[in-house]
Amino acid sequence: MELLRKIRGQSGWIILSMVFLVALGRVFFLDARQAPSGKKIIKISHWQMEAGVREALDDAAREYQKLHPDVEIQQIIVGGSNYVSWITTRLIGGAAPDIIALGNMDRGLMLELFQRYFVPLSGEIGKPNPYNAGTSLEGVPWKATYYDDMLGGYMPELIEYYQVPESAFTMRLFYNKTKFREATGLDAPPSDFRAFLGACQQIKEYGRAHGEALVPIANAGKYNAKFIWSRFDQAVNSTLLPAVDVNLDSEQGPEESLIALVGGAVDFRDRRIRAMIEGHDYYNKQCQPAFFAADRMDAAFLFLQQRALMIASGSWDARSYVKQAEFEVGVCDFPMPARDDPEFGKFVEGVAVEELLGGFSFGVNRLSPNADVALDFLKFLSSQRINGKLNEEVQWIPMIRGNKPVPFIAPFWPHFDGVKAGIQLSTGGLNSQLYDELANLNAAGRLNYEGFLKRFLPSFVANGDRWMRQDRRRSWQLAANQDEFVRMAERMKEEQSGQRGSKADALLENEVSRRYNAIELSRRYEEARQASPLPKPSEP
């Protein structure tokens, strides 16, 4: 009996473990599965477990197999954080699938894997995609058939295209249309920030009046919260960009933000910095208690169980929400403060700009015995007709010109006109970790703006020193070594073929540019540090 009670007490973990083992067994089964005699087997791996993805790729594979009866396409899906370690091990061991989705990992590791194990595509993207015959894109270079000119598959550090994108993604606010109307009398959440907060208050009052534990927004501290906060931050801090953009590329990076904050070009007590922290608090009060400790699935369940009427997420979750919800799901943009907002209006110059950049991308394993067939299948996937059909099934944003998102996904179409982010307080290394910890304390109502500064500033320069002088310097050196290796390999290839091309020269130019940028950022940081008004650690 005692043993039985122990087993019952652990039943949740036992079930979870069984599900995991079944999923793992399926991966191994698919990985070991052989093609029927005489057929070429093409294995394609990715981590996308959202509703409809497997089915849409299977449909595309079946259409391809009708054209090529000697080929069989097999999917291998490894979800969550396991994918990165799984595919990295497979690549190093020479046992990776033929077609691979690569992303959601350290940039340096990703570049190294592309360089060593993937087929470069520059020689192919200038040719027409044969599967566009009979469409408006017939005869158009493969690269030019993309809305972003295939930029989503380009690795600037390697001056090479390695991936074939299929979809694009943006973030929006999902809402329960039926219950939102019942609670507020409105058909959709207001676009004005103050009106939105008023609707949230109506939702709380509706919940109390009906005896429901109802919250306006389902949230998770390490996932959904960042979508909400980042859009608000971008709107209120955009005017800081001229003070932060030291390399004048009209963008801000973590190194530039660190330099500006350490050197005092941007003061932590700037009203726009304060607006970021205090703006988060308005949103935090509309979410479930202790949301900062919740994960992505916790927030999704709260929304789908109708205990929260809104949730922030990306277009990748759209079909999953619609399929699982027992109510009509709506999509709208995030609310923004109006120009006449008494607290934030003076900082807002426009909506946050977004990019239409290719994702859900695949590359070809250089060691694949059927690399030519794998590449041909990717051309098929990225043809106008198949790309449109795939994204219609999955309800994602298509990347091939002439295709448009289905009506439900239309609100996810990016804002091409707007303002860019001006600064980020999560500036790398230990500062990023500390920022996340303090953001959670702020979300819990245990830390206000002044308390945030009191905890964040004392170690800001010391953490910045470690990141710039050790972590970033090491990364830059590794990148420089990699640049030199790639350039020398390309030069040797050109000499062996007897044809001196321009790629090695372009690689050298890129290498020099990256080295200069690294040296210049290091120099700027040391100058900023010398003039810093912030507490500095004593020098050894």
Protein backbone atom coordinates (compact mmCIF):
# COMPACT_ATOMS: atom_id res chain seq x y z
CA MET A 1 0.00 0.00 0.00
CA GLU A 2 2.81 2.36 0.85
CA LEU A 3 4.43 1.65 -2.51
CA LEU A 4 1.10 2.27 -4.27
CA ARG A 5 0.67 5.62 -2.52
CA LYS A 6 4.19 6.64 -3.59
CA ILE A 7 3.46 5.66 -7.18
CA ARG A 8 0.19 7.62 -7.15
CA GLY A 9 2.00 10.63 -5.70
CA GLN A 10 4.44 10.54 -8.61
CA SER A 11 1.88 9.71 -11.30
CA GLY A 12 2.27 13.07 -13.05
CA TRP A 13 6.02 12.62 -13.42
CA ILE A 14 5.58 8.99 -14.50
CA ILE A 15 3.13 9.99 -17.26
CA LEU A 16 5.37 12.87 -18.36
CA SER A 17 8.38 10.53 -18.47
CA MET A 18 6.43 7.97 -20.51
CA VAL A 19 5.36 10.63 -23.03
CA PHE A 20 8.96 11.84 -23.31
CA LEU A 21 10.25 8.27 -23.85
CA VAL A 22 7.62 7.59 -26.50
CA ALA A 23 8.56 10.82 -28.31
CA LEU A 24 12.25 10.00 -28.03
CA GLY A 25 11.60 6.49 -29.31
CA ARG A 26 9.77 7.93 -32.30
CA VAL A 27 12.77 10.13 -33.09
CA PHE A 28 15.12 7.15 -32.99
CA PHE A 29 12.67 5.07 -35.07
CA LEU A 30 12.43 7.74 -37.77
CA ASP A 31 16.16 8.32 -37.64
CA ALA A 32 16.91 4.64 -38.19
CA ARG A 33 14.15 3.98 -40.72
CA GLN A 34 15.35 2.88 -44.14
CA ALA A 35 13.88 3.79 -47.50
CA PRO A 36 12.14 1.18 -49.60
CA SER A 37 14.43 -0.59 -52.04
CA GLY A 38 15.53 1.65 -54.89
CA LYS A 39 14.35 4.90 -53.30
CA LYS A 40 16.41 7.82 -52.10
CA ILE A 41 15.49 8.80 -48.56
CA ILE A 42 15.65 12.46 -47.55
CA LYS A 43 15.38 13.20 -43.83
CA ILE A 44 14.38 16.70 -42.74
CA SER A 45 14.74 17.80 -39.10
CA HIS A 46 13.30 20.73 -37.17
CA TRP A 47 11.85 21.63 -33.75
CA GLN A 48 8.48 23.17 -34.73
CA MET A 49 5.77 21.34 -32.80
CA GLU A 50 3.03 23.91 -33.40
CA ALA A 51 -0.29 22.69 -34.78
CA GLY A 52 -0.28 21.89 -38.49
CA VAL A 53 3.46 22.08 -39.17
CA ARG A 54 4.05 18.34 -39.45
CA GLU A 55 0.94 17.88 -41.60
CA ALA A 56 1.79 20.79 -43.94
CA LEU A 57 5.33 19.49 -44.54
CA ASP A 58 3.98 15.97 -45.07
CA ASP A 59 1.53 17.32 -47.67
CA ALA A 60 4.35 19.10 -49.49
CA ALA A 61 6.47 15.94 -49.33
CA ARG A 62 3.69 13.85 -50.87
CA GLU A 63 3.33 16.29 -53.76
CA TYR A 64 7.09 16.20 -54.34
CA GLN A 65 7.12 12.40 -54.22
CA LYS A 66 4.44 12.28 -56.95
CA LEU A 67 6.85 14.19 -59.19
CA HIS A 68 9.82 12.12 -58.00
CA PRO A 69 8.66 8.57 -57.24
CA ASP A 70 12.23 7.49 -56.48
CA VAL A 71 12.38 9.82 -53.42
CA GLU A 72 10.88 9.49 -49.94
CA ILE A 73 10.82 12.47 -47.54
CA GLN A 74 10.81 11.76 -43.79
CA GLN A 75 10.41 14.30 -40.97
CA ILE A 76 12.27 14.17 -37.67
CA ILE A 77 10.92 16.58 -35.06
CA VAL A 78 12.86 17.12 -31.83
CA GLY A 79 11.06 19.70 -29.72
CA GLY A 80 12.24 22.19 -27.14
CA SER A 81 15.80 22.77 -25.98
CA ASN A 82 16.80 19.19 -26.87
CA TYR A 83 17.04 20.05 -30.55
CA VAL A 84 20.22 22.14 -30.35
CA SER A 85 22.27 19.47 -28.57
CA TRP A 86 20.75 16.71 -30.69
CA ILE A 87 21.52 18.28 -34.07
CA THR A 88 24.96 19.52 -32.99
CA THR A 89 25.93 16.02 -31.89
CA ARG A 90 24.57 14.55 -35.11
CA LEU A 91 26.47 17.00 -37.29
CA ILE A 92 29.76 16.42 -35.48
CA GLY A 93 29.22 12.65 -35.62
CA GLY A 94 28.47 12.66 -39.35
CA ALA A 95 24.96 11.25 -38.83
CA ALA A 96 22.80 14.35 -39.33
CA PRO A 97 19.68 14.46 -41.55
CA ASP A 98 19.91 15.64 -45.16
CA ILE A 99 17.91 18.85 -44.57
CA ILE A 100 18.30 20.72 -41.29
CA ALA A 101 16.62 23.66 -39.60
CA LEU A 102 19.24 25.53 -37.63
CA GLY A 103 18.59 28.43 -35.25
CA ASN A 104 17.65 29.30 -31.69
CA MET A 105 21.27 28.82 -30.58
CA ASP A 106 24.44 30.74 -29.85
CA ARG A 107 25.32 32.76 -32.95
CA GLY A 108 28.99 31.75 -32.87
CA LEU A 109 28.13 28.05 -32.73
CA MET A 110 25.59 28.44 -35.50
CA LEU A 111 28.12 30.13 -37.79
CA GLU A 112 30.68 27.41 -37.13
CA LEU A 113 28.14 24.70 -37.96
CA PHE A 114 27.09 26.42 -41.18
CA GLN A 115 30.69 26.85 -42.26
CA ARG A 116 31.69 23.25 -41.58
CA TYR A 117 28.62 21.20 -42.40
CA PHE A 118 26.25 23.05 -44.75
CA VAL A 119 26.14 23.50 -48.52
CA PRO A 120 26.69 27.15 -49.55
CA LEU A 121 23.91 28.38 -51.82
CA SER A 122 25.37 31.43 -53.59
CA GLY A 123 25.84 29.45 -56.78
CA GLU A 124 22.15 28.53 -56.86
CA ILE A 125 20.18 31.56 -55.73
CA GLY A 126 20.89 33.56 -58.90
CA LYS A 127 19.21 30.90 -61.05
CA PRO A 128 15.44 30.66 -61.54
CA ASN A 129 13.55 28.22 -59.36
CA PRO A 130 12.33 25.58 -61.86
CA TYR A 131 9.24 24.90 -59.75
CA ASN A 132 7.98 28.43 -60.46
CA ALA A 133 7.37 27.56 -64.12
CA GLY A 134 3.94 28.76 -65.21
CA THR A 135 3.65 31.33 -62.40
CA SER A 136 4.32 35.07 -62.21
CA LEU A 137 7.80 34.21 -60.89
CA GLU A 138 8.85 32.08 -63.87
CA GLY A 139 12.38 33.00 -64.91
CA VAL A 140 12.94 35.16 -61.81
CA PRO A 141 16.17 34.42 -59.87
CA TRP A 142 15.43 32.27 -56.83
CA LYS A 143 16.74 34.96 -54.46
CA ALA A 144 14.47 37.63 -55.98
CA THR A 145 11.34 35.53 -55.44
CA TYR A 146 11.56 36.33 -51.70
CA TYR A 147 9.99 39.37 -50.08
CA ASP A 148 13.28 39.97 -48.25
CA ASP A 149 15.49 38.93 -51.21
CA MET A 150 16.39 35.83 -49.19
CA LEU A 151 18.09 37.92 -46.51
CA GLY A 152 16.77 35.53 -43.87
CA GLY A 153 19.06 32.84 -45.28
CA TYR A 154 22.16 35.05 -45.52
CA MET A 155 25.01 34.89 -43.00
CA PRO A 156 26.81 38.28 -43.26
CA GLU A 157 29.74 37.06 -41.16
CA LEU A 158 30.44 34.35 -43.75
CA ILE A 159 29.27 36.34 -46.78
CA GLU A 160 27.22 33.36 -47.85
CA TYR A 161 23.65 32.06 -48.12
CA TYR A 162 23.12 28.82 -46.22
CA GLN A 163 19.38 28.63 -45.51
CA VAL A 164 16.14 28.54 -47.46
CA PRO A 165 13.41 30.38 -45.46
CA GLU A 166 9.74 29.44 -45.66
CA SER A 167 7.87 31.82 -43.34
CA ALA A 168 8.08 35.06 -41.38
CA PHE A 169 6.91 35.84 -37.86
CA THR A 170 5.78 38.85 -35.83
CA MET A 171 4.21 39.30 -32.39
CA ARG A 172 0.67 40.39 -31.63
CA LEU A 173 -2.05 40.21 -28.97
CA PHE A 174 -4.50 37.29 -29.14
CA TYR A 175 -7.88 37.75 -27.45
CA ASN A 176 -11.10 35.90 -26.66
CA LYS A 177 -13.56 37.73 -28.93
CA THR A 178 -16.77 36.47 -27.33
CA LYS A 179 -15.86 36.99 -23.69
CA PHE A 180 -14.03 40.26 -24.38
CA ARG A 181 -17.23 41.65 -25.86
CA GLU A 182 -19.26 40.40 -22.88
CA ALA A 183 -16.88 41.97 -20.37
CA THR A 184 -16.22 45.30 -22.07
CA GLY A 185 -18.86 45.84 -24.74
CA LEU A 186 -16.02 46.22 -27.26
CA ASP A 187 -15.32 44.11 -30.32
CA ALA A 188 -11.54 44.28 -29.85
CA PRO A 189 -8.94 45.63 -27.40
CA PRO A 190 -8.42 49.39 -27.87
CA SER A 191 -5.29 50.54 -29.69
CA ASP A 192 -4.84 53.47 -27.28
CA PHE A 193 -2.84 52.57 -24.17
CA ARG A 194 -5.12 54.35 -21.66
CA ALA A 195 -8.28 53.01 -23.24
CA PHE A 196 -6.70 49.55 -23.15
CA LEU A 197 -6.05 49.88 -19.41
CA GLY A 198 -9.67 50.95 -18.97
CA ALA A 199 -10.83 47.79 -20.78
CA CYS A 200 -8.59 45.72 -18.50
CA GLN A 201 -10.29 47.26 -15.48
CA GLN A 202 -13.69 46.34 -16.95
CA ILE A 203 -12.53 42.74 -17.34
CA LYS A 204 -11.51 42.58 -13.67
CA GLU A 205 -14.85 44.02 -12.58
CA TYR A 206 -16.71 41.57 -14.84
CA GLY A 207 -14.82 38.68 -13.25
CA ARG A 208 -15.68 39.83 -9.71
CA ALA A 209 -19.32 40.36 -10.60
CA HIS A 210 -19.61 36.84 -12.01
CA GLY A 211 -17.53 35.12 -9.35
CA GLU A 212 -14.75 34.25 -11.79
CA ALA A 213 -11.00 34.36 -11.19
CA LEU A 214 -10.54 36.34 -14.39
CA VAL A 215 -7.46 38.34 -15.42
CA PRO A 216 -7.05 40.51 -18.51
CA ILE A 217 -3.69 39.09 -19.73
CA ALA A 218 -2.14 35.63 -19.46
CA ASN A 219 1.60 36.06 -19.08
CA ALA A 220 4.87 34.19 -18.52
CA GLY A 221 7.92 36.05 -17.24
CA LYS A 222 10.49 34.44 -19.52
CA TYR A 223 8.33 34.33 -22.64
CA ASN A 224 5.17 36.35 -23.30
CA ALA A 225 6.17 39.26 -21.04
CA LYS A 226 9.13 40.10 -23.26
CA PHE A 227 6.89 40.51 -26.31
CA ILE A 228 4.73 43.05 -24.49
CA TRP A 229 7.59 44.92 -22.84
CA SER A 230 9.79 45.10 -25.95
CA ARG A 231 7.10 46.72 -28.09
CA PHE A 232 6.35 49.30 -25.42
CA ASP A 233 10.07 49.95 -24.83
CA GLN A 234 10.71 50.45 -28.53
CA ALA A 235 7.98 53.06 -28.74
CA VAL A 236 9.11 55.13 -25.75
CA ASN A 237 12.92 54.88 -26.12
CA SER A 238 13.34 55.33 -29.89
CA THR A 239 14.55 58.93 -29.55
CA LEU A 240 17.63 57.68 -27.66
CA LEU A 241 19.04 56.03 -30.80
CA PRO A 242 21.19 59.01 -31.95
CA ALA A 243 22.99 59.00 -28.59
CA VAL A 244 23.54 55.23 -28.65
CA ASP A 245 24.38 54.47 -32.29
CA VAL A 246 28.16 54.99 -32.14
CA ASN A 247 28.91 53.15 -35.41
CA LEU A 248 26.21 55.09 -37.28
CA ASP A 249 24.46 52.08 -38.81
CA SER A 250 21.00 53.23 -37.65
CA GLU A 251 20.79 50.29 -35.25
CA GLN A 252 21.68 49.78 -31.61
CA GLY A 253 23.42 46.72 -30.28
CA PRO A 254 24.17 45.57 -26.72
CA GLU A 255 27.75 46.87 -26.93
CA GLU A 256 26.58 50.30 -28.04
CA SER A 257 23.92 50.42 -25.33
CA LEU A 258 26.52 49.48 -22.73
CA ILE A 259 28.90 52.19 -23.95
CA ALA A 260 26.17 54.84 -23.83
CA LEU A 261 25.04 53.87 -20.32
CA VAL A 262 28.53 53.46 -18.86
CA GLY A 263 29.79 56.71 -20.33
CA GLY A 264 26.76 58.76 -19.39
CA ALA A 265 25.68 59.56 -22.95
CA VAL A 266 22.38 58.13 -21.68
CA ASP A 267 21.59 58.65 -18.02
CA PHE A 268 19.81 55.89 -16.14
CA ARG A 269 17.58 58.63 -14.74
CA ASP A 270 16.56 59.75 -18.21
CA ARG A 271 12.78 60.06 -18.33
CA ARG A 272 12.63 57.55 -21.21
CA ILE A 273 14.45 54.91 -19.16
CA ARG A 274 12.08 55.55 -16.30
CA ALA A 275 9.14 55.30 -18.71
CA MET A 276 10.30 51.82 -19.76
CA ILE A 277 10.40 50.48 -16.20
CA GLU A 278 7.20 52.16 -15.06
CA GLY A 279 5.37 51.28 -18.29
CA HIS A 280 6.02 47.61 -17.62
CA ASP A 281 4.28 48.00 -14.28
CA TYR A 282 1.01 49.04 -15.95
CA TYR A 283 1.04 45.84 -17.97
CA ASN A 284 2.17 43.68 -15.04
CA LYS A 285 -0.91 44.69 -13.02
CA GLN A 286 -3.14 43.24 -15.74
CA CYS A 287 -1.66 39.73 -15.47
CA GLN A 288 -2.18 36.73 -13.21
CA PRO A 289 -0.40 36.68 -9.82
CA ALA A 290 3.17 35.35 -9.89
CA PHE A 291 3.23 35.31 -13.70
CA PHE A 292 6.97 35.97 -13.59
CA ALA A 293 7.42 32.35 -12.44
CA ALA A 294 5.07 30.90 -15.08
CA ASP A 295 6.25 29.28 -18.30
CA ARG A 296 4.90 29.47 -21.83
CA MET A 297 2.49 26.55 -21.39
CA ASP A 298 1.09 27.93 -18.12
CA ALA A 299 0.14 31.16 -19.86
CA ALA A 300 -1.35 29.35 -22.86
CA PHE A 301 -3.52 27.12 -20.63
CA LEU A 302 -4.79 30.17 -18.72
CA PHE A 303 -5.87 31.78 -21.99
CA LEU A 304 -7.36 28.63 -23.51
CA GLN A 305 -9.26 27.85 -20.30
CA GLN A 306 -10.83 31.35 -20.55
CA ARG A 307 -9.38 32.48 -17.23
CA ALA A 308 -7.51 35.23 -19.10
CA LEU A 309 -8.93 37.10 -22.08
CA MET A 310 -5.67 38.09 -23.83
CA ILE A 311 -2.18 36.69 -24.41
CA ALA A 312 0.84 38.08 -26.26
CA SER A 313 2.63 35.70 -28.60
CA GLY A 314 3.96 35.25 -32.11
CA SER A 315 2.25 34.26 -35.33
CA TRP A 316 3.77 30.78 -34.89
CA ASP A 317 1.18 30.12 -32.15
CA ALA A 318 -1.85 31.31 -34.13
CA ARG A 319 -3.11 27.98 -35.46
CA SER A 320 -2.39 26.21 -32.16
CA TYR A 321 -4.57 28.69 -30.27
CA VAL A 322 -7.38 28.54 -32.84
CA LYS A 323 -7.33 24.75 -32.92
CA GLN A 324 -7.41 24.33 -29.13
CA ALA A 325 -9.69 27.21 -28.15
CA GLU A 326 -13.40 26.60 -27.57
CA PHE A 327 -14.10 30.23 -28.41
CA GLU A 328 -13.48 32.61 -31.29
CA VAL A 329 -9.89 33.92 -31.22
CA GLY A 330 -9.10 37.44 -32.41
CA VAL A 331 -5.78 39.14 -33.17
CA CYS A 332 -4.85 42.78 -32.72
CA ASP A 333 -1.76 44.95 -32.43
CA PHE A 334 -0.32 46.03 -29.09
CA PRO A 335 -1.75 49.27 -27.66
CA MET A 336 0.46 52.34 -27.78
CA PRO A 337 0.37 55.61 -25.84
CA ALA A 338 -1.20 58.46 -27.81
CA ARG A 339 0.70 61.68 -28.42
CA ASP A 340 -1.42 63.39 -25.77
CA ASP A 341 -0.87 60.67 -23.16
CA PRO A 342 -0.05 62.56 -19.94
CA GLU A 343 2.78 60.22 -18.92
CA PHE A 344 4.30 58.67 -22.06
CA GLY A 345 2.97 60.68 -25.02
CA LYS A 346 5.93 63.06 -25.16
CA PHE A 347 8.32 60.14 -25.87
CA VAL A 348 6.34 58.39 -28.62
CA GLU A 349 7.13 59.24 -32.24
CA GLY A 350 5.34 56.34 -33.90
CA VAL A 351 4.65 52.62 -33.88
CA ALA A 352 7.51 50.16 -33.52
CA VAL A 353 8.95 49.21 -36.92
CA GLU A 354 9.13 45.52 -37.87
CA GLU A 355 10.98 43.48 -40.48
CA LEU A 356 9.67 40.89 -42.92
CA LEU A 357 12.61 38.55 -42.45
CA GLY A 358 12.54 34.91 -43.44
CA GLY A 359 12.39 32.22 -40.76
CA PHE A 360 11.46 28.53 -40.50
CA SER A 361 14.59 28.04 -42.60
CA PHE A 362 16.37 24.92 -43.81
CA GLY A 363 19.87 24.16 -45.02
CA VAL A 364 21.43 21.17 -46.79
CA ASN A 365 23.87 18.89 -45.00
CA ARG A 366 27.17 18.97 -46.89
CA LEU A 367 27.75 15.28 -46.05
CA SER A 368 24.37 14.12 -47.36
CA PRO A 369 24.74 11.41 -50.03
CA ASN A 370 21.75 13.01 -51.76
CA ALA A 371 22.54 16.69 -51.29
CA ASP A 372 21.36 17.48 -54.82
CA VAL A 373 17.94 15.95 -54.14
CA ALA A 374 17.72 17.71 -50.76
CA LEU A 375 18.41 21.05 -52.42
CA ASP A 376 15.84 20.31 -55.12
CA PHE A 377 13.21 19.61 -52.45
CA LEU A 378 13.96 22.98 -50.80
CA LYS A 379 13.42 24.66 -54.18
CA PHE A 380 10.07 22.88 -54.37
CA LEU A 381 9.16 24.01 -50.83
CA SER A 382 10.00 27.62 -51.68
CA SER A 383 8.13 27.72 -54.98
CA GLN A 384 5.26 30.19 -55.13
CA ARG A 385 2.50 27.58 -55.11
CA ILE A 386 3.89 25.25 -52.43
CA ASN A 387 5.07 28.07 -50.14
CA GLY A 388 1.63 29.64 -50.35
CA LYS A 389 -0.10 26.34 -49.65
CA LEU A 390 2.21 25.43 -46.74
CA ASN A 391 1.75 28.77 -44.99
CA GLU A 392 -1.98 28.73 -45.60
CA GLU A 393 -2.20 25.35 -43.84
CA VAL A 394 0.02 26.39 -40.93
CA GLN A 395 -1.40 29.94 -40.86
CA TRP A 396 1.98 31.65 -40.96
CA ILE A 397 3.26 34.57 -43.05
CA PRO A 398 4.54 33.36 -46.45
CA MET A 399 7.91 34.56 -47.72
CA ILE A 400 7.50 34.14 -51.49
CA ARG A 401 6.30 37.10 -53.54
CA GLY A 402 2.71 36.94 -54.69
CA ASN A 403 1.58 35.04 -51.60
CA LYS A 404 -0.35 36.75 -48.83
CA PRO A 405 -1.29 35.55 -45.34
CA VAL A 406 -4.75 34.11 -44.75
CA PRO A 407 -7.25 36.69 -43.39
CA PHE A 408 -6.81 35.59 -39.78
CA ILE A 409 -3.05 36.18 -40.03
CA ALA A 410 -3.35 39.52 -41.85
CA PRO A 411 -2.94 41.55 -38.60
CA PHE A 412 0.54 40.00 -38.26
CA TRP A 413 1.75 41.69 -41.44
CA PRO A 414 4.76 43.80 -40.32
CA HIS A 415 4.82 47.56 -39.82
CA PHE A 416 7.43 48.73 -42.34
CA ASP A 417 7.10 52.37 -41.30
CA GLY A 418 7.84 53.18 -37.67
CA VAL A 419 10.55 53.78 -35.11
CA LYS A 420 13.49 51.60 -34.13
CA ALA A 421 14.52 50.68 -30.61
CA GLY A 422 16.84 53.30 -29.13
CA ILE A 423 18.52 51.32 -26.33
CA GLN A 424 18.46 48.07 -24.38
CA LEU A 425 19.11 47.72 -20.67
CA SER A 426 19.88 44.01 -20.99
CA THR A 427 23.41 44.64 -22.22
CA GLY A 428 25.00 41.20 -22.17
CA GLY A 429 26.69 38.87 -19.68
CA LEU A 430 25.95 39.32 -16.00
CA ASN A 431 24.12 42.59 -16.64
CA SER A 432 21.56 40.71 -18.72
CA GLN A 433 21.10 38.10 -15.99
CA LEU A 434 20.70 40.77 -13.31
CA TYR A 435 18.27 42.74 -15.46
CA ASP A 436 16.05 39.67 -15.88
CA GLU A 437 16.11 39.02 -12.12
CA LEU A 438 15.16 42.61 -11.31
CA ALA A 439 12.46 42.67 -13.99
CA ASN A 440 10.89 39.70 -12.24
CA LEU A 441 11.04 41.48 -8.89
CA ASN A 442 9.44 44.51 -10.50
CA ALA A 443 6.74 42.27 -11.96
CA ALA A 444 6.13 40.84 -8.49
CA GLY A 445 5.56 44.35 -7.15
CA ARG A 446 8.63 44.11 -4.92
CA LEU A 447 10.78 46.64 -6.77
CA ASN A 448 10.00 50.08 -8.16
CA TYR A 449 12.11 52.24 -10.48
CA GLU A 450 14.29 53.62 -7.67
CA GLY A 451 14.76 50.16 -6.21
CA PHE A 452 15.73 48.89 -9.66
CA LEU A 453 18.48 51.50 -9.96
CA LYS A 454 19.70 50.83 -6.44
CA ARG A 455 20.18 47.15 -7.28
CA PHE A 456 21.30 47.49 -10.91
CA LEU A 457 23.87 50.31 -10.89
CA PRO A 458 26.52 49.27 -8.32
CA SER A 459 27.77 46.33 -10.40
CA PHE A 460 26.88 47.64 -13.85
CA VAL A 461 30.40 48.74 -14.82
CA ALA A 462 32.07 45.70 -13.23
CA ASN A 463 29.75 43.40 -15.16
CA GLY A 464 30.34 45.45 -18.30
CA ASP A 465 34.11 45.10 -17.83
CA ARG A 466 33.85 41.35 -17.67
CA TRP A 467 31.61 41.16 -20.71
CA MET A 468 33.56 43.55 -22.95
CA ARG A 469 37.09 42.70 -21.82
CA GLN A 470 36.65 38.93 -21.57
CA ASP A 471 33.50 37.48 -23.11
CA ARG A 472 33.19 39.77 -26.13
CA ARG A 473 36.94 39.94 -26.71
CA ARG A 474 37.09 36.12 -26.73
CA SER A 475 34.14 35.96 -29.14
CA TRP A 476 35.70 38.53 -31.42
CA GLN A 477 39.00 36.62 -31.47
CA LEU A 478 37.25 33.36 -32.29
CA ALA A 479 35.35 35.13 -35.06
CA ALA A 480 38.59 36.61 -36.40
CA ASN A 481 40.24 33.19 -36.44
CA GLN A 482 37.21 31.79 -38.22
CA ASP A 483 37.24 34.63 -40.75
CA GLU A 484 40.89 33.94 -41.54
CA PHE A 485 40.31 30.20 -41.89
CA VAL A 486 37.37 30.66 -44.27
CA ARG A 487 39.24 33.23 -46.35
CA MET A 488 42.34 31.03 -46.69
CA ALA A 489 40.22 28.01 -47.64
CA GLU A 490 38.42 30.03 -50.29
CA ARG A 491 41.72 31.39 -51.65
CA MET A 492 43.15 27.85 -51.90
CA LYS A 493 40.03 26.68 -53.72
CA GLU A 494 40.34 29.52 -56.21
CA GLU A 495 44.02 28.82 -56.82
CA GLN A 496 43.42 25.08 -57.33
CA SER A 497 40.71 25.80 -59.88
CA GLY A 498 42.94 28.31 -61.66
CA GLN A 499 40.26 30.97 -61.33
CA ARG A 500 40.75 33.89 -59.02
CA GLY A 501 37.33 35.11 -58.00
CA SER A 502 36.11 37.90 -55.81
CA LYS A 503 34.81 35.88 -52.86
CA ALA A 504 38.15 35.64 -51.04
CA ASP A 505 38.62 39.37 -51.51
CA ALA A 506 35.12 40.01 -50.18
CA LEU A 507 35.87 37.77 -47.20
CA LEU A 508 39.06 39.73 -46.52
CA GLU A 509 37.11 42.98 -46.65
CA ASN A 510 34.55 41.58 -44.24
CA GLU A 511 37.30 40.30 -41.92
CA VAL A 512 38.98 43.73 -41.82
CA SER A 513 35.65 45.42 -41.19
CA ARG A 514 34.79 43.10 -38.31
CA ARG A 515 38.22 43.48 -36.72
CA TYR A 516 37.97 47.26 -36.99
CA ASN A 517 34.48 47.25 -35.49
CA ALA A 518 35.66 45.11 -32.57
CA ILE A 519 38.68 47.35 -31.93
CA GLU A 520 36.57 50.50 -32.23
CA LEU A 521 33.89 49.23 -29.83
CA SER A 522 36.57 48.21 -27.32
CA ARG A 523 38.19 51.63 -27.59
CA ARG A 524 34.86 53.41 -27.18
CA TYR A 525 34.04 51.33 -24.13
CA GLU A 526 37.36 52.14 -22.42
CA GLU A 527 36.84 55.84 -23.12
CA ALA A 528 33.30 55.67 -21.75
CA ARG A 529 34.53 53.81 -18.70
CA GLN A 530 37.11 56.47 -17.89
CA ALA A 531 34.43 59.17 -17.94
CA SER A 532 31.76 57.05 -16.27
CA PRO A 533 29.72 58.62 -13.48
CA LEU A 534 28.78 55.13 -12.27
CA PRO A 535 30.54 53.15 -9.48
CA LYS A 536 33.66 51.44 -10.83
CA PRO A 537 35.55 48.46 -9.44
CA SER A 538 39.08 49.17 -8.25
CA GLU A 539 41.74 48.28 -10.80
CA PRO A 540 44.16 45.47 -9.84
